[in-house]
Amino acid sequence: MTNDLEYEEISSDEVDRVIAALEQISNSTSSDTIKAFLEECSNNVYYLVYEDEEGLAA
């Protein structure tokens, strides 16, 4: 196992699909704790693609 991080291209379409799926799961969940975890997950997935684009726009 190496310590080198491999670069993976992640499309915005894939990120959008995953976020939409997480939102559907969150909307069908009654637990506030689970909703908080899903929101954190959604934010992490969002920033995989959109963090760099927003940084360039500023």
PDB file of N, CA and C in Angstrom:
ATOM      1  N   MET A   1       0.843  -1.183   0.000  1.00  0.00           N
ATOM      2  CA  MET A   1       0.000   0.000   0.000  1.00  0.00           C
ATOM      3  C   MET A   1       0.888   1.245   0.000  1.00  0.00           C
ATOM      4  N   THR A   2       0.571   2.208  -0.860  1.00  0.00           N
ATOM      5  CA  THR A   2       1.389   3.404  -0.953  1.00  0.00           C
ATOM      6  C   THR A   2       0.719   4.564  -0.244  1.00  0.00           C
ATOM      7  N   ASN A   3       1.504   5.573   0.058  1.00  0.00           N
ATOM      8  CA  ASN A   3       0.978   6.777   0.700  1.00  0.00           C
ATOM      9  C   ASN A   3       0.533   7.812  -0.317  1.00  0.00           C
ATOM     10  N   ASP A   4       0.793   7.549  -1.596  1.00  0.00           N
ATOM     11  CA  ASP A   4       0.415   8.489  -2.648  1.00  0.00           C
ATOM     12  C   ASP A   4      -1.102   8.502  -2.834  1.00  0.00           C
ATOM     13  N   LEU A   5      -1.659   9.709  -2.917  1.00  0.00           N
ATOM     14  CA  LEU A   5      -3.085   9.839  -3.193  1.00  0.00           C
ATOM     15  C   LEU A   5      -3.276   9.859  -4.704  1.00  0.00           C
ATOM     16  N   GLU A   6      -4.195   9.045  -5.179  1.00  0.00           N
ATOM     17  CA  GLU A   6      -4.479   9.029  -6.604  1.00  0.00           C
ATOM     18  C   GLU A   6      -5.569  10.051  -6.904  1.00  0.00           C
ATOM     19  N   TYR A   7      -5.425  10.741  -8.026  1.00  0.00           N
ATOM     20  CA  TYR A   7      -6.401  11.723  -8.452  1.00  0.00           C
ATOM     21  C   TYR A   7      -7.544  11.010  -9.158  1.00  0.00           C
ATOM     22  N   GLU A   8      -8.748  11.303  -8.749  1.00  0.00           N
ATOM     23  CA  GLU A   8      -9.926  10.709  -9.374  1.00  0.00           C
ATOM     24  C   GLU A   8     -10.809  11.823  -9.913  1.00  0.00           C
ATOM     25  N   GLU A   9     -11.163  11.735 -11.158  1.00  0.00           N
ATOM     26  CA  GLU A   9     -12.066  12.701 -11.779  1.00  0.00           C
ATOM     27  C   GLU A   9     -13.495  12.361 -11.366  1.00  0.00           C
ATOM     28  N   ILE A  10     -14.172  13.315 -10.759  1.00  0.00           N
ATOM     29  CA  ILE A  10     -15.555  13.115 -10.328  1.00  0.00           C
ATOM     30  C   ILE A  10     -16.411  14.137 -11.057  1.00  0.00           C
ATOM     31  N   SER A  11     -17.437  13.657 -11.744  1.00  0.00           N
ATOM     32  CA  SER A  11     -18.271  14.562 -12.529  1.00  0.00           C
ATOM     33  C   SER A  11     -19.312  15.246 -11.656  1.00  0.00           C
ATOM     34  N   SER A  12     -19.689  16.444 -12.057  1.00  0.00           N
ATOM     35  CA  SER A  12     -20.727  17.177 -11.329  1.00  0.00           C
ATOM     36  C   SER A  12     -22.068  16.459 -11.445  1.00  0.00           C
ATOM     37  N   ASP A  13     -22.299  15.750 -12.556  1.00  0.00           N
ATOM     38  CA  ASP A  13     -23.545  14.988 -12.705  1.00  0.00           C
ATOM     39  C   ASP A  13     -23.644  13.893 -11.652  1.00  0.00           C
ATOM     40  N   GLU A  14     -22.518  13.202 -11.409  1.00  0.00           N
ATOM     41  CA  GLU A  14     -22.521  12.151 -10.397  1.00  0.00           C
ATOM     42  C   GLU A  14     -22.753  12.734  -9.009  1.00  0.00           C
ATOM     43  N   VAL A  15     -22.093  13.842  -8.716  1.00  0.00           N
ATOM     44  CA  VAL A  15     -22.276  14.503  -7.422  1.00  0.00           C
ATOM     45  C   VAL A  15     -23.733  14.923  -7.251  1.00  0.00           C
ATOM     46  N   ASP A  16     -24.318  15.503  -8.276  1.00  0.00           N
ATOM     47  CA  ASP A  16     -25.717  15.940  -8.212  1.00  0.00           C
ATOM     48  C   ASP A  16     -26.656  14.765  -7.948  1.00  0.00           C
ATOM     49  N   ARG A  17     -26.406  13.619  -8.602  1.00  0.00           N
ATOM     50  CA  ARG A  17     -27.241  12.427  -8.391  1.00  0.00           C
ATOM     51  C   ARG A  17     -27.125  11.907  -6.960  1.00  0.00           C
ATOM     52  N   VAL A  18     -25.912  11.874  -6.437  1.00  0.00           N
ATOM     53  CA  VAL A  18     -25.697  11.384  -5.074  1.00  0.00           C
ATOM     54  C   VAL A  18     -26.366  12.316  -4.061  1.00  0.00           C
ATOM     55  N   ILE A  19     -26.221  13.613  -4.255  1.00  0.00           N
ATOM     56  CA  ILE A  19     -26.847  14.578  -3.344  1.00  0.00           C
ATOM     57  C   ILE A  19     -28.366  14.443  -3.385  1.00  0.00           C
ATOM     58  N   ALA A  20     -28.930  14.272  -4.572  1.00  0.00           N
ATOM     59  CA  ALA A  20     -30.379  14.104  -4.688  1.00  0.00           C
ATOM     60  C   ALA A  20     -30.837  12.838  -3.962  1.00  0.00           C
ATOM     61  N   ALA A  21     -30.080  11.756  -4.091  1.00  0.00           N
ATOM     62  CA  ALA A  21     -30.425  10.510  -3.401  1.00  0.00           C
ATOM     63  C   ALA A  21     -30.340  10.688  -1.884  1.00  0.00           C
ATOM     64  N   LEU A  22     -29.312  11.370  -1.416  1.00  0.00           N
ATOM     65  CA  LEU A  22     -29.176  11.611   0.024  1.00  0.00           C
ATOM     66  C   LEU A  22     -30.319  12.478   0.548  1.00  0.00           C
ATOM     67  N   GLU A  23     -30.757  13.455  -0.241  1.00  0.00           N
ATOM     68  CA  GLU A  23     -31.889  14.303   0.153  1.00  0.00           C
ATOM     69  C   GLU A  23     -33.170  13.481   0.254  1.00  0.00           C
ATOM     70  N   GLN A  24     -33.379  12.546  -0.683  1.00  0.00           N
ATOM     71  CA  GLN A  24     -34.558  11.682  -0.626  1.00  0.00           C
ATOM     72  C   GLN A  24     -34.542  10.824   0.628  1.00  0.00           C
ATOM     73  N   ILE A  25     -33.393  10.261   0.937  1.00  0.00           N
ATOM     74  CA  ILE A  25     -33.276   9.448   2.147  1.00  0.00           C
ATOM     75  C   ILE A  25     -33.537  10.304   3.376  1.00  0.00           C
ATOM     76  N   SER A  26     -32.966  11.488   3.411  1.00  0.00           N
ATOM     77  CA  SER A  26     -33.144  12.385   4.551  1.00  0.00           C
ATOM     78  C   SER A  26     -34.608  12.755   4.737  1.00  0.00           C
ATOM     79  N   ASN A  27     -35.299  13.016   3.633  1.00  0.00           N
ATOM     80  CA  ASN A  27     -36.716  13.391   3.715  1.00  0.00           C
ATOM     81  C   ASN A  27     -37.596  12.251   4.214  1.00  0.00           C
ATOM     82  N   SER A  28     -37.125  11.015   4.071  1.00  0.00           N
ATOM     83  CA  SER A  28     -37.921   9.877   4.525  1.00  0.00           C
ATOM     84  C   SER A  28     -37.478   9.378   5.901  1.00  0.00           C
ATOM     85  N   THR A  29     -36.579  10.108   6.542  1.00  0.00           N
ATOM     86  CA  THR A  29     -36.040   9.717   7.842  1.00  0.00           C
ATOM     87  C   THR A  29     -36.606  10.609   8.928  1.00  0.00           C
ATOM     88  N   SER A  30     -37.001  10.002  10.035  1.00  0.00           N
ATOM     89  CA  SER A  30     -37.543  10.804  11.136  1.00  0.00           C
ATOM     90  C   SER A  30     -36.486  11.171  12.174  1.00  0.00           C
ATOM     91  N   SER A  31     -35.370  10.464  12.202  1.00  0.00           N
ATOM     92  CA  SER A  31     -34.318  10.712  13.196  1.00  0.00           C
ATOM     93  C   SER A  31     -33.527  11.969  12.850  1.00  0.00           C
ATOM     94  N   ASP A  32     -33.475  12.904  13.790  1.00  0.00           N
ATOM     95  CA  ASP A  32     -32.683  14.121  13.590  1.00  0.00           C
ATOM     96  C   ASP A  32     -31.192  13.806  13.515  1.00  0.00           C
ATOM     97  N   THR A  33     -30.754  12.808  14.248  1.00  0.00           N
ATOM     98  CA  THR A  33     -29.344  12.416  14.233  1.00  0.00           C
ATOM     99  C   THR A  33     -28.953  11.889  12.861  1.00  0.00           C
ATOM    100  N   ILE A  34     -29.767  11.026  12.305  1.00  0.00           N
ATOM    101  CA  ILE A  34     -29.475  10.484  10.972  1.00  0.00           C
ATOM    102  C   ILE A  34     -29.531  11.600   9.935  1.00  0.00           C
ATOM    103  N   LYS A  35     -30.510  12.490  10.048  1.00  0.00           N
ATOM    104  CA  LYS A  35     -30.594  13.619   9.111  1.00  0.00           C
ATOM    105  C   LYS A  35     -29.336  14.476   9.169  1.00  0.00           C
ATOM    106  N   ALA A  36     -28.793  14.690  10.366  1.00  0.00           N
ATOM    107  CA  ALA A  36     -27.569  15.489  10.511  1.00  0.00           C
ATOM    108  C   ALA A  36     -26.389  14.793   9.830  1.00  0.00           C
ATOM    109  N   PHE A  37     -26.283  13.477  10.004  1.00  0.00           N
ATOM    110  CA  PHE A  37     -25.211  12.731   9.335  1.00  0.00           C
ATOM    111  C   PHE A  37     -25.369  12.787   7.828  1.00  0.00           C
ATOM    112  N   LEU A  38     -26.586  12.649   7.329  1.00  0.00           N
ATOM    113  CA  LEU A  38     -26.821  12.700   5.890  1.00  0.00           C
ATOM    114  C   LEU A  38     -26.507  14.083   5.327  1.00  0.00           C
ATOM    115  N   GLU A  39     -26.832  15.134   6.073  1.00  0.00           N
ATOM    116  CA  GLU A  39     -26.526  16.493   5.629  1.00  0.00           C
ATOM    117  C   GLU A  39     -25.014  16.704   5.570  1.00  0.00           C
ATOM    118  N   GLU A  40     -24.306  16.216   6.573  1.00  0.00           N
ATOM    119  CA  GLU A  40     -22.847  16.327   6.567  1.00  0.00           C
ATOM    120  C   GLU A  40     -22.254  15.564   5.383  1.00  0.00           C
ATOM    121  N   CYS A  41     -22.773  14.381   5.133  1.00  0.00           N
ATOM    122  CA  CYS A  41     -22.319  13.579   3.995  1.00  0.00           C
ATOM    123  C   CYS A  41     -22.584  14.313   2.685  1.00  0.00           C
ATOM    124  N   SER A  42     -23.767  14.873   2.563  1.00  0.00           N
ATOM    125  CA  SER A  42     -24.139  15.607   1.361  1.00  0.00           C
ATOM    126  C   SER A  42     -23.199  16.799   1.136  1.00  0.00           C
ATOM    127  N   ASN A  43     -22.890  17.513   2.211  1.00  0.00           N
ATOM    128  CA  ASN A  43     -21.967  18.649   2.101  1.00  0.00           C
ATOM    129  C   ASN A  43     -20.579  18.196   1.657  1.00  0.00           C
ATOM    130  N   ASN A  44     -20.107  17.089   2.206  1.00  0.00           N
ATOM    131  CA  ASN A  44     -18.790  16.568   1.833  1.00  0.00           C
ATOM    132  C   ASN A  44     -18.751  16.169   0.368  1.00  0.00           C
ATOM    133  N   VAL A  45     -19.800  15.518  -0.101  1.00  0.00           N
ATOM    134  CA  VAL A  45     -19.872  15.109  -1.504  1.00  0.00           C
ATOM    135  C   VAL A  45     -19.929  16.350  -2.402  1.00  0.00           C
ATOM    136  N   TYR A  46     -20.727  17.340  -2.017  1.00  0.00           N
ATOM    137  CA  TYR A  46     -20.853  18.585  -2.782  1.00  0.00           C
ATOM    138  C   TYR A  46     -19.489  19.231  -2.996  1.00  0.00           C
ATOM    139  N   TYR A  47     -18.704  19.318  -1.939  1.00  0.00           N
ATOM    140  CA  TYR A  47     -17.418  20.003  -2.027  1.00  0.00           C
ATOM    141  C   TYR A  47     -16.356  19.228  -2.791  1.00  0.00           C
ATOM    142  N   LEU A  48     -16.626  17.963  -3.121  1.00  0.00           N
ATOM    143  CA  LEU A  48     -15.688  17.216  -3.965  1.00  0.00           C
ATOM    144  C   LEU A  48     -15.534  17.886  -5.325  1.00  0.00           C
ATOM    145  N   VAL A  49     -16.606  18.488  -5.821  1.00  0.00           N
ATOM    146  CA  VAL A  49     -16.581  19.102  -7.151  1.00  0.00           C
ATOM    147  C   VAL A  49     -16.708  20.615  -7.076  1.00  0.00           C
ATOM    148  N   TYR A  50     -17.625  21.119  -6.274  1.00  0.00           N
ATOM    149  CA  TYR A  50     -17.979  22.523  -6.338  1.00  0.00           C
ATOM    150  C   TYR A  50     -17.094  23.449  -5.518  1.00  0.00           C
ATOM    151  N   GLU A  51     -16.323  22.956  -4.586  1.00  0.00           N
ATOM    152  CA  GLU A  51     -15.460  23.800  -3.786  1.00  0.00           C
ATOM    153  C   GLU A  51     -14.442  24.516  -4.669  1.00  0.00           C
ATOM    154  N   ASP A  52     -13.795  23.776  -5.576  1.00  0.00           N
ATOM    155  CA  ASP A  52     -12.799  24.367  -6.445  1.00  0.00           C
ATOM    156  C   ASP A  52     -13.400  25.376  -7.407  1.00  0.00           C
ATOM    157  N   GLU A  53     -14.568  25.076  -7.946  1.00  0.00           N
ATOM    158  CA  GLU A  53     -15.221  25.989  -8.882  1.00  0.00           C
ATOM    159  C   GLU A  53     -15.598  27.292  -8.199  1.00  0.00           C
ATOM    160  N   GLU A  54     -16.082  27.230  -6.952  1.00  0.00           N
ATOM    161  CA  GLU A  54     -16.454  28.440  -6.230  1.00  0.00           C
ATOM    162  C   GLU A  54     -15.212  29.259  -5.895  1.00  0.00           C
ATOM    163  N   GLY A  55     -14.120  28.579  -5.582  1.00  0.00           N
ATOM    164  CA  GLY A  55     -12.878  29.268  -5.252  1.00  0.00           C
ATOM    165  C   GLY A  55     -12.337  30.043  -6.451  1.00  0.00           C
ATOM    166  N   LEU A  56     -12.518  29.481  -7.653  1.00  0.00           N
ATOM    167  CA  LEU A  56     -12.063  30.151  -8.853  1.00  0.00           C
ATOM    168  C   LEU A  56     -12.907  31.366  -9.200  1.00  0.00           C
ATOM    169  N   ALA A  57     -14.189  31.324  -8.837  1.00  0.00           N
ATOM    170  CA  ALA A  57     -15.094  32.421  -9.160  1.00  0.00           C
ATOM    171  C   ALA A  57     -14.858  33.628  -8.257  1.00  0.00           C
ATOM    172  N   ALA A  58     -14.296  33.415  -7.087  1.00  0.00           N
ATOM    173  CA  ALA A  58     -14.098  34.513  -6.135  1.00  0.00           C
ATOM    174  C   ALA A  58     -12.931  35.381  -6.516  1.00  0.00           C
TER     175      ALA A  58
END
